[in-house]
N, C-alpha and C. Protein backbone atom coordinates (compact mmCIF):
# COMPACT_ATOMS: atom_id res chain seq x y z
N MET A 1 187.74 256.50 154.56
CA MET A 1 186.81 256.76 155.66
C MET A 1 186.48 258.24 155.70
N ASN A 2 185.23 258.56 155.91
CA ASN A 2 184.79 259.94 156.03
C ASN A 2 185.16 260.47 157.40
N LYS A 3 185.96 261.53 157.42
CA LYS A 3 186.41 262.07 158.70
C LYS A 3 185.29 262.75 159.48
N ARG A 4 184.18 263.02 158.84
CA ARG A 4 183.06 263.67 159.51
C ARG A 4 182.03 262.66 160.00
N MET A 5 182.34 261.39 159.87
CA MET A 5 181.41 260.35 160.28
C MET A 5 181.15 260.46 161.79
N LYS A 6 179.90 260.28 162.16
CA LYS A 6 179.53 260.35 163.57
C LYS A 6 180.09 259.17 164.34
N THR A 7 180.32 259.38 165.63
CA THR A 7 180.77 258.33 166.53
C THR A 7 179.56 257.51 166.98
N ALA A 8 179.76 256.21 167.11
CA ALA A 8 178.72 255.33 167.62
C ALA A 8 179.05 254.96 169.07
N THR A 9 178.03 254.98 169.91
CA THR A 9 178.16 254.51 171.29
C THR A 9 177.35 253.24 171.39
N VAL A 10 177.99 252.17 171.87
CA VAL A 10 177.31 250.88 171.95
C VAL A 10 177.45 250.34 173.37
N TYR A 11 176.31 250.16 174.02
CA TYR A 11 176.27 249.54 175.35
C TYR A 11 176.23 248.04 175.13
N THR A 12 177.19 247.32 175.71
CA THR A 12 177.31 245.88 175.50
C THR A 12 177.32 245.13 176.83
N ARG A 13 177.29 243.80 176.70
CA ARG A 13 177.51 242.92 177.85
C ARG A 13 178.38 241.78 177.37
N PRO A 14 179.11 241.14 178.26
CA PRO A 14 179.99 240.04 177.86
C PRO A 14 179.21 238.87 177.24
N LEU A 15 179.87 238.19 176.32
CA LEU A 15 179.34 236.98 175.67
C LEU A 15 178.02 237.22 174.94
N CYS A 16 177.90 238.39 174.34
CA CYS A 16 176.67 238.76 173.63
C CYS A 16 176.94 238.73 172.13
N GLY A 17 176.39 237.74 171.46
CA GLY A 17 176.58 237.61 170.02
C GLY A 17 176.02 238.79 169.24
N TYR A 18 174.90 239.33 169.68
CA TYR A 18 174.31 240.49 169.01
C TYR A 18 175.22 241.70 169.14
N CYS A 19 175.88 241.83 170.29
CA CYS A 19 176.82 242.93 170.51
C CYS A 19 177.99 242.82 169.54
N VAL A 20 178.54 241.62 169.42
CA VAL A 20 179.66 241.38 168.52
C VAL A 20 179.26 241.70 167.08
N ARG A 21 178.07 241.28 166.70
CA ARG A 21 177.58 241.50 165.34
C ARG A 21 177.47 243.00 165.04
N ALA A 22 176.92 243.76 165.98
CA ALA A 22 176.77 245.20 165.80
C ALA A 22 178.12 245.90 165.76
N LEU A 23 179.00 245.54 166.69
CA LEU A 23 180.33 246.16 166.72
C LEU A 23 181.11 245.87 165.45
N THR A 24 181.00 244.64 164.95
CA THR A 24 181.71 244.26 163.73
C THR A 24 181.23 245.08 162.54
N LEU A 25 179.93 245.23 162.39
CA LEU A 25 179.39 246.02 161.28
C LEU A 25 179.90 247.46 161.35
N LEU A 26 179.81 248.06 162.52
CA LEU A 26 180.23 249.46 162.65
C LEU A 26 181.73 249.61 162.40
N LYS A 27 182.53 248.74 162.97
CA LYS A 27 183.98 248.84 162.79
C LYS A 27 184.38 248.58 161.34
N ASN A 28 183.70 247.66 160.66
CA ASN A 28 183.99 247.39 159.25
C ASN A 28 183.66 248.58 158.37
N LYS A 29 182.76 249.44 158.82
CA LYS A 29 182.42 250.65 158.09
C LYS A 29 183.38 251.79 158.42
N GLY A 30 184.30 251.55 159.34
CA GLY A 30 185.26 252.59 159.71
C GLY A 30 184.73 253.58 160.73
N VAL A 31 183.67 253.21 161.43
CA VAL A 31 183.06 254.08 162.43
C VAL A 31 183.88 254.05 163.71
N GLU A 32 184.08 255.22 164.30
CA GLU A 32 184.70 255.27 165.63
C GLU A 32 183.64 254.81 166.62
N VAL A 33 183.95 253.77 167.38
CA VAL A 33 182.99 253.17 168.30
C VAL A 33 183.46 253.34 169.73
N VAL A 34 182.56 253.84 170.57
CA VAL A 34 182.78 253.87 172.01
C VAL A 34 181.96 252.73 172.58
N GLU A 35 182.64 251.69 173.05
CA GLU A 35 181.95 250.53 173.62
C GLU A 35 181.90 250.68 175.13
N LEU A 36 180.70 250.62 175.67
CA LEU A 36 180.50 250.72 177.12
C LEU A 36 179.97 249.39 177.62
N SER A 37 180.80 248.65 178.34
CA SER A 37 180.39 247.35 178.85
C SER A 37 179.53 247.56 180.10
N ALA A 38 178.22 247.42 179.90
CA ALA A 38 177.26 247.73 180.96
C ALA A 38 176.71 246.49 181.65
N GLY A 39 177.14 245.31 181.23
CA GLY A 39 176.58 244.08 181.76
C GLY A 39 176.71 243.93 183.27
N PHE A 40 177.84 244.35 183.82
CA PHE A 40 178.06 244.20 185.26
C PHE A 40 178.29 245.54 185.93
N ASP A 41 177.93 246.63 185.25
CA ASP A 41 178.14 247.98 185.78
C ASP A 41 176.77 248.63 185.95
N GLN A 42 176.30 248.70 187.18
CA GLN A 42 174.95 249.20 187.45
C GLN A 42 174.75 250.63 186.96
N LYS A 43 175.74 251.49 187.14
CA LYS A 43 175.60 252.89 186.69
C LYS A 43 175.47 252.97 185.17
N LEU A 44 176.30 252.22 184.46
CA LEU A 44 176.21 252.22 183.00
C LEU A 44 174.89 251.62 182.53
N ARG A 45 174.44 250.57 183.21
CA ARG A 45 173.15 249.96 182.84
C ARG A 45 172.01 250.96 183.03
N GLU A 46 172.01 251.68 184.15
CA GLU A 46 170.99 252.70 184.40
C GLU A 46 171.06 253.80 183.34
N GLU A 47 172.28 254.20 182.98
CA GLU A 47 172.46 255.22 181.94
C GLU A 47 171.90 254.72 180.61
N MET A 48 172.20 253.47 180.26
CA MET A 48 171.71 252.87 179.02
C MET A 48 170.18 252.87 178.98
N VAL A 49 169.56 252.42 180.07
CA VAL A 49 168.10 252.34 180.13
C VAL A 49 167.49 253.74 180.02
N ALA A 50 168.08 254.71 180.68
CA ALA A 50 167.57 256.09 180.62
C ALA A 50 167.71 256.66 179.21
N ARG A 51 168.89 256.50 178.61
CA ARG A 51 169.14 257.07 177.28
C ARG A 51 168.28 256.41 176.21
N SER A 52 167.98 255.13 176.38
CA SER A 52 167.26 254.38 175.35
C SER A 52 165.75 254.40 175.54
N GLY A 53 165.27 255.14 176.50
CA GLY A 53 163.83 255.19 176.72
C GLY A 53 163.27 253.94 177.35
N GLY A 54 164.08 253.27 178.18
CA GLY A 54 163.60 252.11 178.91
C GLY A 54 164.03 250.77 178.36
N GLN A 55 164.78 250.75 177.27
CA GLN A 55 165.23 249.49 176.68
C GLN A 55 166.27 248.83 177.57
N ARG A 56 166.14 247.53 177.79
CA ARG A 56 167.03 246.81 178.70
C ARG A 56 167.83 245.71 178.00
N THR A 57 167.60 245.51 176.72
CA THR A 57 168.31 244.45 176.00
C THR A 57 169.64 244.98 175.45
N TYR A 58 170.54 244.05 175.15
CA TYR A 58 171.86 244.40 174.62
C TYR A 58 171.98 243.93 173.19
N PRO A 59 172.68 244.72 172.38
CA PRO A 59 173.26 246.03 172.67
C PRO A 59 172.21 247.12 172.53
N GLN A 60 172.53 248.30 173.03
CA GLN A 60 171.77 249.50 172.72
C GLN A 60 172.76 250.42 172.01
N ILE A 61 172.36 250.89 170.84
CA ILE A 61 173.27 251.59 169.93
C ILE A 61 172.79 253.01 169.68
N PHE A 62 173.75 253.91 169.74
CA PHE A 62 173.51 255.32 169.46
C PHE A 62 174.48 255.78 168.38
N ILE A 63 173.98 256.47 167.38
CA ILE A 63 174.82 257.11 166.37
C ILE A 63 174.73 258.60 166.67
N GLY A 64 175.83 259.17 167.12
CA GLY A 64 175.76 260.53 167.65
C GLY A 64 174.81 260.48 168.84
N ASP A 65 173.79 261.31 168.82
CA ASP A 65 172.78 261.32 169.89
C ASP A 65 171.51 260.56 169.52
N VAL A 66 171.49 259.95 168.35
CA VAL A 66 170.29 259.25 167.86
C VAL A 66 170.30 257.80 168.34
N HIS A 67 169.23 257.41 169.02
CA HIS A 67 169.09 256.03 169.48
C HIS A 67 168.63 255.17 168.31
N VAL A 68 169.47 254.22 167.92
CA VAL A 68 169.17 253.32 166.81
C VAL A 68 168.34 252.14 167.30
N GLY A 69 168.64 251.66 168.49
CA GLY A 69 168.00 250.46 169.03
C GLY A 69 169.05 249.39 169.21
N GLY A 70 168.68 248.16 168.85
CA GLY A 70 169.59 247.04 169.03
C GLY A 70 170.23 246.60 167.72
N SER A 71 170.81 245.42 167.75
CA SER A 71 171.51 244.88 166.58
C SER A 71 170.58 244.70 165.38
N ASP A 72 169.37 244.20 165.61
CA ASP A 72 168.44 243.99 164.50
C ASP A 72 168.10 245.30 163.81
N GLU A 73 167.89 246.35 164.59
CA GLU A 73 167.57 247.66 164.01
C GLU A 73 168.77 248.21 163.23
N LEU A 74 169.97 247.99 163.76
CA LEU A 74 171.18 248.44 163.07
C LEU A 74 171.32 247.71 161.74
N GLN A 75 171.11 246.40 161.74
CA GLN A 75 171.21 245.60 160.51
C GLN A 75 170.16 246.05 159.49
N GLU A 76 168.96 246.39 159.96
CA GLU A 76 167.91 246.86 159.05
C GLU A 76 168.29 248.20 158.42
N LEU A 77 168.88 249.10 159.22
CA LEU A 77 169.36 250.37 158.66
C LEU A 77 170.39 250.12 157.57
N GLU A 78 171.29 249.16 157.80
CA GLU A 78 172.31 248.83 156.81
C GLU A 78 171.67 248.27 155.54
N ARG A 79 170.72 247.34 155.68
CA ARG A 79 170.06 246.74 154.52
C ARG A 79 169.31 247.78 153.70
N SER A 80 168.71 248.75 154.37
CA SER A 80 167.90 249.75 153.68
C SER A 80 168.74 250.90 153.12
N GLY A 81 170.04 250.91 153.42
CA GLY A 81 170.91 251.98 152.95
C GLY A 81 170.87 253.24 153.80
N LYS A 82 170.13 253.19 154.90
CA LYS A 82 169.97 254.40 155.74
C LYS A 82 171.07 254.56 156.78
N LEU A 83 171.85 253.50 157.04
CA LEU A 83 172.90 253.61 158.06
C LEU A 83 173.97 254.62 157.62
N ASP A 84 174.40 254.55 156.38
CA ASP A 84 175.41 255.50 155.91
C ASP A 84 174.90 256.93 156.00
N GLU A 85 173.62 257.13 155.65
CA GLU A 85 173.03 258.47 155.75
C GLU A 85 173.11 258.97 157.19
N LEU A 86 172.75 258.12 158.13
CA LEU A 86 172.75 258.51 159.54
C LEU A 86 174.18 258.80 160.02
N LEU A 87 175.12 257.97 159.61
CA LEU A 87 176.51 258.15 160.03
C LEU A 87 177.12 259.43 159.47
N ASN A 88 176.69 259.83 158.29
CA ASN A 88 177.29 260.98 157.61
C ASN A 88 176.46 262.25 157.71
N ALA A 89 175.32 262.20 158.41
CA ALA A 89 174.47 263.39 158.52
C ALA A 89 175.21 264.48 159.29
N ALA A 90 174.97 265.70 158.86
CA ALA A 90 175.63 266.85 159.51
C ALA A 90 175.12 267.07 160.90
């Protein structure tokens, strides 16, 4: 594992298959993940919506300070080979 890899912040909600899929991908890559369960926490939900530019769906994923989007966007970054670049960028 690259010790300089960026931390991922993932806003999740309970019983969310897309959240599980995103968390699994990141953890399998050895990424340090901060999971924020925002489903029933109004303050965290408001923070998520503000940070993501108005996105209200789960999960909302950030690599460092970069907003990736949701699970589909994360999977597309992985397929295109750009996720590792983002995780390891200085």
